[in-house]
Full PDB file with SEQRES, HELIX, SHEET, SSBOND, CRYST1, ORIGX, SCALE, CONECT and MASTER records, all heavy atoms in Angstrom:
SEQRES   1 A   41  THR LEU VAL ASP SER GLU SER ARG ALA GLU ALA ARG GLU          
SEQRES   2 A   41  ASP GLN LEU GLN ARG LEU ASP ARG ALA CYS ALA ALA TRP          
SEQRES   3 A   41  GLU ALA CYS PRO VAL ALA ASP ILE GLY LEU LEU PRO ALA          
SEQRES   4 A   41  ILE ALA                                                      
HELIX    1 AA1 SER A    5  ALA A   25  1                                  21    
HELIX    2 AA2 LEU A   36  ILE A   40  1                                   5    
SSBOND   1 CYS A   23    CYS A   29                          1555   1555  2.00  
CRYST1    1.000    1.000    1.000  90.00  90.00  90.00 P 1           1          
ORIGX1      1.000000  0.000000  0.000000        0.00000                         
ORIGX2      0.000000  1.000000  0.000000        0.00000                         
ORIGX3      0.000000  0.000000  1.000000        0.00000                         
SCALE1      1.000000  0.000000  0.000000        0.00000                         
SCALE2      0.000000  1.000000  0.000000        0.00000                         
SCALE3      0.000000  0.000000  1.000000        0.00000                         
ATOM      1  N   THR A   1       0.818  -1.217   0.000  1.00  0.00           N  
ATOM      2  CA  THR A   1       0.000   0.000   0.000  1.00  0.00           C  
ATOM      3  C   THR A   1       0.848   1.261   0.000  1.00  0.00           C  
ATOM      4  O   THR A   1       0.352   2.346  -0.308  1.00  0.00           O  
ATOM      5  CB  THR A   1      -0.945   0.018   1.220  1.00  0.00           C  
ATOM      6  OG1 THR A   1      -0.158   0.076   2.426  1.00  0.00           O  
ATOM      7  CG2 THR A   1      -1.811  -1.225   1.249  1.00  0.00           C  
ATOM      8  N   LEU A   2       2.129   1.143   0.377  1.00  0.00           N  
ATOM      9  CA  LEU A   2       3.008   2.310   0.401  1.00  0.00           C  
ATOM     10  C   LEU A   2       3.790   2.477  -0.895  1.00  0.00           C  
ATOM     11  O   LEU A   2       4.445   3.504  -1.097  1.00  0.00           O  
ATOM     12  CB  LEU A   2       4.001   2.201   1.568  1.00  0.00           C  
ATOM     13  CG  LEU A   2       3.421   2.347   2.975  1.00  0.00           C  
ATOM     14  CD1 LEU A   2       4.516   2.147   4.006  1.00  0.00           C  
ATOM     15  CD2 LEU A   2       2.773   3.708   3.153  1.00  0.00           C  
ATOM     16  N   VAL A   3       3.772   1.472  -1.746  1.00  0.00           N  
ATOM     17  CA  VAL A   3       4.558   1.520  -2.977  1.00  0.00           C  
ATOM     18  C   VAL A   3       3.710   2.082  -4.105  1.00  0.00           C  
ATOM     19  O   VAL A   3       2.791   1.425  -4.585  1.00  0.00           O  
ATOM     20  CB  VAL A   3       5.074   0.121  -3.369  1.00  0.00           C  
ATOM     21  CG1 VAL A   3       5.887   0.202  -4.656  1.00  0.00           C  
ATOM     22  CG2 VAL A   3       5.932  -0.448  -2.265  1.00  0.00           C  
ATOM     23  N   ASP A   4       3.970   3.290  -4.498  1.00  0.00           N  
ATOM     24  CA  ASP A   4       3.334   3.840  -5.691  1.00  0.00           C  
ATOM     25  C   ASP A   4       4.355   4.716  -6.406  1.00  0.00           C  
ATOM     26  O   ASP A   4       5.223   5.322  -5.776  1.00  0.00           O  
ATOM     27  CB  ASP A   4       2.072   4.634  -5.340  1.00  0.00           C  
ATOM     28  CG  ASP A   4       2.386   5.851  -4.499  1.00  0.00           C  
ATOM     29  OD1 ASP A   4       2.645   6.911  -5.082  1.00  0.00           O  
ATOM     30  OD2 ASP A   4       2.398   5.738  -3.256  1.00  0.00           O  
ATOM     31  N   SER A   5       4.262   4.734  -7.696  1.00  0.00           N  
ATOM     32  CA  SER A   5       5.249   5.455  -8.496  1.00  0.00           C  
ATOM     33  C   SER A   5       5.219   6.949  -8.215  1.00  0.00           C  
ATOM     34  O   SER A   5       6.247   7.632  -8.326  1.00  0.00           O  
ATOM     35  CB  SER A   5       5.007   5.189  -9.981  1.00  0.00           C  
ATOM     36  OG  SER A   5       5.171   3.820 -10.268  1.00  0.00           O  
ATOM     37  N   GLU A   6       4.040   7.475  -7.857  1.00  0.00           N  
ATOM     38  CA  GLU A   6       3.942   8.913  -7.602  1.00  0.00           C  
ATOM     39  C   GLU A   6       4.802   9.347  -6.420  1.00  0.00           C  
ATOM     40  O   GLU A   6       5.496  10.358  -6.487  1.00  0.00           O  
ATOM     41  CB  GLU A   6       2.478   9.314  -7.346  1.00  0.00           C  
ATOM     42  CG  GLU A   6       1.623   9.364  -8.593  1.00  0.00           C  
ATOM     43  CD  GLU A   6       1.030   8.012  -8.946  1.00  0.00           C  
ATOM     44  OE1 GLU A   6       1.447   6.998  -8.324  1.00  0.00           O  
ATOM     45  OE2 GLU A   6       0.167   7.956  -9.836  1.00  0.00           O  
ATOM     46  N   SER A   7       4.796   8.561  -5.324  1.00  0.00           N  
ATOM     47  CA  SER A   7       5.611   8.935  -4.162  1.00  0.00           C  
ATOM     48  C   SER A   7       7.094   8.842  -4.483  1.00  0.00           C  
ATOM     49  O   SER A   7       7.894   9.661  -4.019  1.00  0.00           O  
ATOM     50  CB  SER A   7       5.268   8.051  -2.964  1.00  0.00           C  
ATOM     51  OG  SER A   7       5.603   6.697  -3.203  1.00  0.00           O  
ATOM     52  N   ARG A   8       7.480   7.870  -5.291  1.00  0.00           N  
ATOM     53  CA  ARG A   8       8.888   7.754  -5.696  1.00  0.00           C  
ATOM     54  C   ARG A   8       9.288   8.935  -6.576  1.00  0.00           C  
ATOM     55  O   ARG A   8      10.370   9.500  -6.433  1.00  0.00           O  
ATOM     56  CB  ARG A   8       9.108   6.437  -6.428  1.00  0.00           C  
ATOM     57  CG  ARG A   8       8.967   5.215  -5.515  1.00  0.00           C  
ATOM     58  CD  ARG A   8       8.597   3.969  -6.277  1.00  0.00           C  
ATOM     59  NE  ARG A   8       9.587   3.605  -7.271  1.00  0.00           N  
ATOM     60  CZ  ARG A   8       9.350   2.777  -8.281  1.00  0.00           C  
ATOM     61  NH1 ARG A   8       8.144   2.242  -8.431  1.00  0.00           N  
ATOM     62  NH2 ARG A   8      10.294   2.485  -9.147  1.00  0.00           N  
ATOM     63  N   ALA A   9       8.394   9.322  -7.488  1.00  0.00           N  
ATOM     64  CA  ALA A   9       8.684  10.463  -8.354  1.00  0.00           C  
ATOM     65  C   ALA A   9       8.780  11.755  -7.545  1.00  0.00           C  
ATOM     66  O   ALA A   9       9.645  12.596  -7.803  1.00  0.00           O  
ATOM     67  CB  ALA A   9       7.609  10.588  -9.434  1.00  0.00           C  
ATOM     68  N   GLU A  10       7.889  11.916  -6.564  1.00  0.00           N  
ATOM     69  CA  GLU A  10       7.909  13.133  -5.742  1.00  0.00           C  
ATOM     70  C   GLU A  10       9.192  13.221  -4.926  1.00  0.00           C  
ATOM     71  O   GLU A  10       9.735  14.310  -4.725  1.00  0.00           O  
ATOM     72  CB  GLU A  10       6.687  13.161  -4.833  1.00  0.00           C  
ATOM     73  CG  GLU A  10       5.392  13.466  -5.574  1.00  0.00           C  
ATOM     74  CD  GLU A  10       4.179  13.321  -4.694  1.00  0.00           C  
ATOM     75  OE1 GLU A  10       4.331  12.843  -3.547  1.00  0.00           O  
ATOM     76  OE2 GLU A  10       3.072  13.688  -5.143  1.00  0.00           O  
ATOM     77  N   ALA A  11       9.694  12.078  -4.427  1.00  0.00           N  
ATOM     78  CA  ALA A  11      10.948  12.079  -3.673  1.00  0.00           C  
ATOM     79  C   ALA A  11      12.112  12.517  -4.568  1.00  0.00           C  
ATOM     80  O   ALA A  11      12.993  13.274  -4.141  1.00  0.00           O  
ATOM     81  CB  ALA A  11      11.212  10.691  -3.095  1.00  0.00           C  
ATOM     82  N   ARG A  12      12.102  12.070  -5.811  1.00  0.00           N  
ATOM     83  CA  ARG A  12      13.145  12.494  -6.756  1.00  0.00           C  
ATOM     84  C   ARG A  12      13.030  13.988  -7.063  1.00  0.00           C  
ATOM     85  O   ARG A  12      14.033  14.713  -7.114  1.00  0.00           O  
ATOM     86  CB  ARG A  12      13.019  11.691  -8.057  1.00  0.00           C  
ATOM     87  CG  ARG A  12      13.315  10.218  -7.913  1.00  0.00           C  
ATOM     88  CD  ARG A  12      13.180   9.514  -9.251  1.00  0.00           C  
ATOM     89  NE  ARG A  12      13.597   8.125  -9.183  1.00  0.00           N  
ATOM     90  CZ  ARG A  12      13.907   7.385 -10.247  1.00  0.00           C  
ATOM     91  NH1 ARG A  12      13.819   7.924 -11.460  1.00  0.00           N  
ATOM     92  NH2 ARG A  12      14.284   6.139 -10.117  1.00  0.00           N  
ATOM     93  N   GLU A  13      11.806  14.436  -7.279  1.00  0.00           N  
ATOM     94  CA  GLU A  13      11.594  15.848  -7.596  1.00  0.00           C  
ATOM     95  C   GLU A  13      12.051  16.736  -6.437  1.00  0.00           C  
ATOM     96  O   GLU A  13      12.672  17.792  -6.642  1.00  0.00           O  
ATOM     97  CB  GLU A  13      10.117  16.093  -7.898  1.00  0.00           C  
ATOM     98  CG  GLU A  13       9.804  17.494  -8.411  1.00  0.00           C  
ATOM     99  CD  GLU A  13      10.075  17.651  -9.896  1.00  0.00           C  
ATOM    100  OE1 GLU A  13      10.528  16.678 -10.542  1.00  0.00           O  
ATOM    101  OE2 GLU A  13       9.832  18.745 -10.428  1.00  0.00           O  
ATOM    102  N   ASP A  14      11.766  16.303  -5.204  1.00  0.00           N  
ATOM    103  CA  ASP A  14      12.198  17.059  -4.026  1.00  0.00           C  
ATOM    104  C   ASP A  14      13.715  17.189  -3.993  1.00  0.00           C  
ATOM    105  O   ASP A  14      14.249  18.268  -3.699  1.00  0.00           O  
ATOM    106  CB  ASP A  14      11.688  16.373  -2.758  1.00  0.00           C  
ATOM    107  CG  ASP A  14      12.213  17.030  -1.492  1.00  0.00           C  
ATOM    108  OD1 ASP A  14      11.823  18.190  -1.224  1.00  0.00           O  
ATOM    109  OD2 ASP A  14      13.012  16.410  -0.770  1.00  0.00           O  
ATOM    110  N   GLN A  15      14.409  16.109  -4.320  1.00  0.00           N  
ATOM    111  CA  GLN A  15      15.875  16.157  -4.323  1.00  0.00           C  
ATOM    112  C   GLN A  15      16.393  17.146  -5.370  1.00  0.00           C  
ATOM    113  O   GLN A  15      17.293  17.945  -5.101  1.00  0.00           O  
ATOM    114  CB  GLN A  15      16.425  14.759  -4.606  1.00  0.00           C  
ATOM    115  CG  GLN A  15      17.937  14.680  -4.717  1.00  0.00           C  
ATOM    116  CD  GLN A  15      18.606  14.857  -3.376  1.00  0.00           C  
ATOM    117  OE1 GLN A  15      18.558  15.940  -2.790  1.00  0.00           O  
ATOM    118  NE2 GLN A  15      19.216  13.811  -2.873  1.00  0.00           N  
ATOM    119  N   LEU A  16      15.824  17.087  -6.581  1.00  0.00           N  
ATOM    120  CA  LEU A  16      16.281  17.997  -7.632  1.00  0.00           C  
ATOM    121  C   LEU A  16      15.972  19.450  -7.286  1.00  0.00           C  
ATOM    122  O   LEU A  16      16.775  20.353  -7.572  1.00  0.00           O  
ATOM    123  CB  LEU A  16      15.626  17.622  -8.963  1.00  0.00           C  
ATOM    124  CG  LEU A  16      16.094  16.312  -9.605  1.00  0.00           C  
ATOM    125  CD1 LEU A  16      15.385  16.089 -10.936  1.00  0.00           C  
ATOM    126  CD2 LEU A  16      17.606  16.290  -9.806  1.00  0.00           C  
ATOM    127  N   GLN A  17      14.834  19.701  -6.662  1.00  0.00           N  
ATOM    128  CA  GLN A  17      14.502  21.073  -6.286  1.00  0.00           C  
ATOM    129  C   GLN A  17      15.441  21.585  -5.204  1.00  0.00           C  
ATOM    130  O   GLN A  17      15.833  22.765  -5.218  1.00  0.00           O  
ATOM    131  CB  GLN A  17      13.049  21.145  -5.815  1.00  0.00           C  
ATOM    132  CG  GLN A  17      12.045  20.978  -6.940  1.00  0.00           C  
ATOM    133  CD  GLN A  17      10.609  20.964  -6.454  1.00  0.00           C  
ATOM    134  OE1 GLN A  17      10.349  20.944  -5.250  1.00  0.00           O  
ATOM    135  NE2 GLN A  17       9.663  20.963  -7.386  1.00  0.00           N  
ATOM    136  N   ARG A  18      15.839  20.703  -4.276  1.00  0.00           N  
ATOM    137  CA  ARG A  18      16.814  21.093  -3.251  1.00  0.00           C  
ATOM    138  C   ARG A  18      18.145  21.449  -3.896  1.00  0.00           C  
ATOM    139  O   ARG A  18      18.787  22.435  -3.529  1.00  0.00           O  
ATOM    140  CB  ARG A  18      16.994  19.955  -2.244  1.00  0.00           C  
ATOM    141  CG  ARG A  18      15.829  19.784  -1.287  1.00  0.00           C  
ATOM    142  CD  ARG A  18      15.837  18.410  -0.632  1.00  0.00           C  
ATOM    143  NE  ARG A  18      17.046  18.176   0.140  1.00  0.00           N  
ATOM    144  CZ  ARG A  18      17.219  18.536   1.406  1.00  0.00           C  
ATOM    145  NH1 ARG A  18      16.251  19.178   2.044  1.00  0.00           N  
ATOM    146  NH2 ARG A  18      18.337  18.264   2.034  1.00  0.00           N  
ATOM    147  N   LEU A  19      18.572  20.664  -4.875  1.00  0.00           N  
ATOM    148  CA  LEU A  19      19.828  20.950  -5.569  1.00  0.00           C  
ATOM    149  C   LEU A  19      19.709  22.179  -6.460  1.00  0.00           C  
ATOM    150  O   LEU A  19      20.673  22.928  -6.633  1.00  0.00           O  
ATOM    151  CB  LEU A  19      20.256  19.728  -6.389  1.00  0.00           C  
ATOM    152  CG  LEU A  19      20.664  18.501  -5.569  1.00  0.00           C  
ATOM    153  CD1 LEU A  19      20.924  17.311  -6.483  1.00  0.00           C  
ATOM    154  CD2 LEU A  19      21.896  18.789  -4.724  1.00  0.00           C  
ATOM    155  N   ASP A  20      18.527  22.389  -7.011  1.00  0.00           N  
ATOM    156  CA  ASP A  20      18.305  23.586  -7.816  1.00  0.00           C  
ATOM    157  C   ASP A  20      18.445  24.842  -6.954  1.00  0.00           C  
ATOM    158  O   ASP A  20      19.051  25.837  -7.382  1.00  0.00           O  
ATOM    159  CB  ASP A  20      16.901  23.529  -8.445  1.00  0.00           C  
ATOM    160  CG  ASP A  20      16.664  24.650  -9.436  1.00  0.00           C  
ATOM    161  OD1 ASP A  20      17.387  24.725 -10.451  1.00  0.00           O  
ATOM    162  OD2 ASP A  20      15.755  25.463  -9.196  1.00  0.00           O  
ATOM    163  N   ARG A  21      17.920  24.796  -5.730  1.00  0.00           N  
ATOM    164  CA  ARG A  21      18.084  25.924  -4.808  1.00  0.00           C  
ATOM    165  C   ARG A  21      19.542  26.097  -4.406  1.00  0.00           C  
ATOM    166  O   ARG A  21      20.030  27.220  -4.255  1.00  0.00           O  
ATOM    167  CB  ARG A  21      17.203  25.719  -3.573  1.00  0.00           C  
ATOM    168  CG  ARG A  21      15.704  25.797  -3.864  1.00  0.00           C  
ATOM    169  CD  ARG A  21      14.885  25.897  -2.593  1.00  0.00           C  
ATOM    170  NE  ARG A  21      14.976  24.706  -1.768  1.00  0.00           N  
ATOM    171  CZ  ARG A  21      14.160  23.662  -1.878  1.00  0.00           C  
ATOM    172  NH1 ARG A  21      13.186  23.669  -2.793  1.00  0.00           N  
ATOM    173  NH2 ARG A  21      14.283  22.616  -1.082  1.00  0.00           N  
ATOM    174  N   ALA A  22      20.260  24.978  -4.257  1.00  0.00           N  
ATOM    175  CA  ALA A  22      21.685  25.066  -3.928  1.00  0.00           C  
ATOM    176  C   ALA A  22      22.467  25.722  -5.064  1.00  0.00           C  
ATOM    177  O   ALA A  22      23.378  26.523  -4.833  1.00  0.00           O  
ATOM    178  CB  ALA A  22      22.237  23.671  -3.643  1.00  0.00           C  
ATOM    179  N   CYS A  23      22.094  25.400  -6.292  1.00  0.00           N  
ATOM    180  CA  CYS A  23      22.751  26.007  -7.454  1.00  0.00           C  
ATOM    181  C   CYS A  23      22.498  27.514  -7.478  1.00  0.00           C  
ATOM    182  O   CYS A  23      23.401  28.306  -7.750  1.00  0.00           O  
ATOM    183  CB  CYS A  23      22.259  25.351  -8.742  1.00  0.00           C  
ATOM    184  SG  CYS A  23      22.981  26.015 -10.265  1.00  0.00           S  
ATOM    185  N   ALA A  24      21.260  27.916  -7.161  1.00  0.00           N  
ATOM    186  CA  ALA A  24      20.924  29.338  -7.163  1.00  0.00           C  
ATOM    187  C   ALA A  24      21.700  30.100  -6.096  1.00  0.00           C  
ATOM    188  O   ALA A  24      22.041  31.279  -6.271  1.00  0.00           O  
ATOM    189  CB  ALA A  24      19.418  29.514  -6.951  1.00  0.00           C  
ATOM    190  N   ALA A  25      22.019  29.412  -4.982  1.00  0.00           N  
ATOM    191  CA  ALA A  25      22.741  30.072  -3.892  1.00  0.00           C  
ATOM    192  C   ALA A  25      24.255  30.039  -4.087  1.00  0.00           C  
ATOM    193  O   ALA A  25      24.988  30.715  -3.364  1.00  0.00           O  
ATOM    194  CB  ALA A  25      22.388  29.397  -2.568  1.00  0.00           C  
ATOM    195  N   TRP A  26      24.720  29.258  -5.068  1.00  0.00           N  
ATOM    196  CA  TRP A  26      26.160  29.083  -5.312  1.00  0.00           C  
ATOM    197  C   TRP A  26      26.528  29.906  -6.547  1.00  0.00           C  
ATOM    198  O   TRP A  26      26.183  29.568  -7.653  1.00  0.00           O  
ATOM    199  CB  TRP A  26      26.447  27.588  -5.526  1.00  0.00           C  
ATOM    200  CG  TRP A  26      27.812  27.256  -5.984  1.00  0.00           C  
ATOM    201  CD1 TRP A  26      28.970  27.907  -5.719  1.00  0.00           C  
ATOM    202  CD2 TRP A  26      28.172  26.148  -6.831  1.00  0.00           C  
ATOM    203  NE1 TRP A  26      30.035  27.281  -6.320  1.00  0.00           N  
ATOM    204  CE2 TRP A  26      29.568  26.205  -7.011  1.00  0.00           C  
ATOM    205  CE3 TRP A  26      27.446  25.125  -7.426  1.00  0.00           C  
ATOM    206  CZ2 TRP A  26      30.256  25.256  -7.779  1.00  0.00           C  
ATOM    207  CZ3 TRP A  26      28.129  24.189  -8.184  1.00  0.00           C  
ATOM    208  CH2 TRP A  26      29.518  24.259  -8.359  1.00  0.00           C  
ATOM    209  N   GLU A  27      27.261  30.970  -6.322  1.00  0.00           N  
ATOM    210  CA  GLU A  27      27.530  31.916  -7.415  1.00  0.00           C  
ATOM    211  C   GLU A  27      28.350  31.304  -8.537  1.00  0.00           C  
ATOM    212  O   GLU A  27      28.292  31.763  -9.682  1.00  0.00           O  
ATOM    213  CB  GLU A  27      28.239  33.160  -6.864  1.00  0.00           C  
ATOM    214  CG  GLU A  27      29.575  32.884  -6.202  1.00  0.00           C  
ATOM    215  CD  GLU A  27      30.182  34.116  -5.568  1.00  0.00           C  
ATOM    216  OE1 GLU A  27      29.422  35.000  -5.124  1.00  0.00           O  
ATOM    217  OE2 GLU A  27      31.419  34.184  -5.510  1.00  0.00           O  
ATOM    218  N   ALA A  28      29.118  30.250  -8.236  1.00  0.00           N  
ATOM    219  CA  ALA A  28      29.936  29.627  -9.278  1.00  0.00           C  
ATOM    220  C   ALA A  28      29.288  28.389  -9.885  1.00  0.00           C  
ATOM    221  O   ALA A  28      29.940  27.642 -10.612  1.00  0.00           O  
ATOM    222  CB  ALA A  28      31.307  29.258  -8.702  1.00  0.00           C  
ATOM    223  N   CYS A  29      28.005  28.164  -9.599  1.00  0.00           N  
ATOM    224  CA  CYS A  29      27.324  27.004 -10.171  1.00  0.00           C  
ATOM    225  C   CYS A  29      27.401  27.071 -11.700  1.00  0.00           C  
ATOM    226  O   CYS A  29      27.038  28.097 -12.304  1.00  0.00           O  
ATOM    227  CB  CYS A  29      25.868  26.973  -9.719  1.00  0.00           C  
ATOM    228  SG  CYS A  29      24.928  25.577 -10.395  1.00  0.00           S  
ATOM    229  N   PRO A  30      27.878  26.007 -12.361  1.00  0.00           N  
ATOM    230  CA  PRO A  30      28.066  26.055 -13.818  1.00  0.00           C  
ATOM    231  C   PRO A  30      26.808  26.362 -14.617  1.00  0.00           C  
ATOM    232  O   PRO A  30      26.900  26.818 -15.757  1.00  0.00           O  
ATOM    233  CB  PRO A  30      28.599  24.653 -14.145  1.00  0.00           C  
ATOM    234  CG  PRO A  30      29.240  24.191 -12.877  1.00  0.00           C  
ATOM    235  CD  PRO A  30      28.385  24.758 -11.785  1.00  0.00           C  
ATOM    236  N   VAL A  31      25.626  26.095 -14.053  1.00  0.00           N  
ATOM    237  CA  VAL A  31      24.379  26.393 -14.770  1.00  0.00           C  
ATOM    238  C   VAL A  31      23.555  27.429 -13.996  1.00  0.00           C  
ATOM    239  O   VAL A  31      22.329  27.445 -14.077  1.00  0.00           O  
ATOM    240  CB  VAL A  31      23.552  25.111 -15.012  1.00  0.00           C  
ATOM    241  CG1 VAL A  31      24.224  24.247 -16.069  1.00  0.00           C  
ATOM    242  CG2 VAL A  31      23.346  24.325 -13.724  1.00  0.00           C  
ATOM    243  N   ALA A  32      24.255  28.289 -13.257  1.00  0.00           N  
ATOM    244  CA  ALA A  32      23.560  29.288 -12.439  1.00  0.00           C  
ATOM    245  C   ALA A  32      22.733  30.246 -13.285  1.00  0.00           C  
ATOM    246  O   ALA A  32      21.727  30.791 -12.813  1.00  0.00           O  
ATOM    247  CB  ALA A  32      24.569  30.078 -11.599  1.00  0.00           C  
ATOM    248  N   ASP A  33      23.124  30.439 -14.550  1.00  0.00           N  
ATOM    249  CA  ASP A  33      22.406  31.411 -15.382  1.00  0.00           C  
ATOM    250  C   ASP A  33      20.989  30.952 -15.711  1.00  0.00           C  
ATOM    251  O   ASP A  33      20.093  31.779 -15.904  1.00  0.00           O  
ATOM    252  CB  ASP A  33      23.183  31.677 -16.675  1.00  0.00           C  
ATOM    253  CG  ASP A  33      23.492  30.406 -17.443  1.00  0.00           C  
ATOM    254  OD1 ASP A  33      23.556  29.327 -16.806  1.00  0.00           O  
ATOM    255  OD2 ASP A  33      23.686  30.483 -18.664  1.00  0.00           O  
ATOM    256  N   ILE A  34      20.758  29.636 -15.754  1.00  0.00           N  
ATOM    257  CA  ILE A  34      19.408  29.158 -16.061  1.00  0.00           C  
ATOM    258  C   ILE A  34      18.828  28.283 -14.952  1.00  0.00           C  
ATOM    259  O   ILE A  34      17.614  28.118 -14.880  1.00  0.00           O  
ATOM    260  CB  ILE A  34      19.362  28.385 -17.394  1.00  0.00           C  
ATOM    261  CG1 ILE A  34      20.287  27.161 -17.348  1.00  0.00           C  
ATOM    262  CG2 ILE A  34      19.719  29.281 -18.550  1.00  0.00           C  
ATOM    263  CD1 ILE A  34      20.138  26.265 -18.568  1.00  0.00           C  
ATOM    264  N   GLY A  35      19.678  27.720 -14.084  1.00  0.00           N  
ATOM    265  CA  GLY A  35      19.207  26.851 -13.016  1.00  0.00           C  
ATOM    266  C   GLY A  35      19.360  25.383 -13.364  1.00  0.00           C  
ATOM    267  O   GLY A  35      19.422  25.009 -14.548  1.00  0.00           O  
ATOM    268  N   LEU A  36      19.452  24.557 -12.350  1.00  0.00           N  
ATOM    269  CA  LEU A  36      19.692  23.135 -12.565  1.00  0.00           C  
ATOM    270  C   LEU A  36      18.526  22.453 -13.279  1.00  0.00           C  
ATOM    271  O   LEU A  36      18.725  21.753 -14.284  1.00  0.00           O  
ATOM    272  CB  LEU A  36      19.951  22.436 -11.222  1.00  0.00           C  
ATOM    273  CG  LEU A  36      20.175  20.927 -11.311  1.00  0.00           C  
ATOM    274  CD1 LEU A  36      21.473  20.628 -12.045  1.00  0.00           C  
ATOM    275  CD2 LEU A  36      20.193  20.300  -9.926  1.00  0.00           C  
ATOM    276  N   LEU A  37      17.316  22.629 -12.786  1.00  0.00           N  
ATOM    277  CA  LEU A  37      16.167  21.965 -13.400  1.00  0.00           C  
ATOM    278  C   LEU A  37      15.953  22.398 -14.850  1.00  0.00           C  
ATOM    279  O   LEU A  37      15.748  21.547 -15.729  1.00  0.00           O  
ATOM    280  CB  LEU A  37      14.914  22.215 -12.566  1.00  0.00           C  
ATOM    281  CG  LEU A  37      14.789  21.359 -11.298  1.00  0.00           C  
ATOM    282  CD1 LEU A  37      13.667  21.862 -10.402  1.00  0.00           C  
ATOM    283  CD2 LEU A  37      14.551  19.901 -11.660  1.00  0.00           C  
ATOM    284  N   PRO A  38      16.011  23.707 -15.156  1.00  0.00           N  
ATOM    285  CA  PRO A  38      15.894  24.093 -16.566  1.00  0.00           C  
ATOM    286  C   PRO A  38      17.027  23.541 -17.424  1.00  0.00           C  
ATOM    287  O   PRO A  38      16.820  23.232 -18.610  1.00  0.00           O  
ATOM    288  CB  PRO A  38      15.933  25.627 -16.511  1.00  0.00           C  
ATOM    289  CG  PRO A  38      15.446  25.972 -15.142  1.00  0.00           C  
ATOM    290  CD  PRO A  38      15.979  24.887 -14.267  1.00  0.00           C  
ATOM    291  N   ALA A  39      18.240  23.410 -16.853  1.00  0.00           N  
ATOM    292  CA  ALA A  39      19.362  22.861 -17.623  1.00  0.00           C  
ATOM    293  C   ALA A  39      19.118  21.399 -17.971  1.00  0.00           C  
ATOM    294  O   ALA A  39      19.404  20.955 -19.094  1.00  0.00           O  
ATOM    295  CB  ALA A  39      20.665  23.009 -16.833  1.00  0.00           C  
ATOM    296  N   ILE A  40      18.597  20.630 -17.019  1.00  0.00           N  
ATOM    297  CA  ILE A  40      18.272  19.227 -17.295  1.00  0.00           C  
ATOM    298  C   ILE A  40      17.212  19.147 -18.393  1.00  0.00           C  
ATOM    299  O   ILE A  40      17.324  18.353 -19.338  1.00  0.00           O  
ATOM    300  CB  ILE A  40      17.790  18.524 -16.012  1.00  0.00           C  
ATOM    301  CG1 ILE A  40      18.935  18.412 -15.000  1.00  0.00           C  
ATOM    302  CG2 ILE A  40      17.234  17.137 -16.338  1.00  0.00           C  
ATOM    303  CD1 ILE A  40      18.509  17.869 -13.649  1.00  0.00           C  
ATOM    304  N   ALA A  41      16.176  19.975 -18.273  1.00  0.00           N  
ATOM    305  CA  ALA A  41      15.105  19.968 -19.266  1.00  0.00           C  
ATOM    306  C   ALA A  41      15.628  20.353 -20.643  1.00  0.00           C  
ATOM    307  O   ALA A  41      15.253  19.751 -21.655  1.00  0.00           O  
ATOM    308  CB  ALA A  41      13.992  20.920 -18.835  1.00  0.00           C  
TER     309      ALA A  41                                                      
CONECT  184  228                                                                
CONECT  228  184                                                                
MASTER        0    0    0    2    0    0    0    6  308    1    2    4          
END                                                                             
C-alpha cells in the first residue's frame, strides 16, 4: 500500500529542487544562469 510510483517520483523531484536551490545560492554554479532543473530539461 506504500509503494506507488507517484511517491517515488515526488521524492526524486524534491531532491532535484533542493539541488536547484543550492545552485541558485552558489555563485559559481556552472548552470547558475538558467538553473539546474531548466538545464536538465
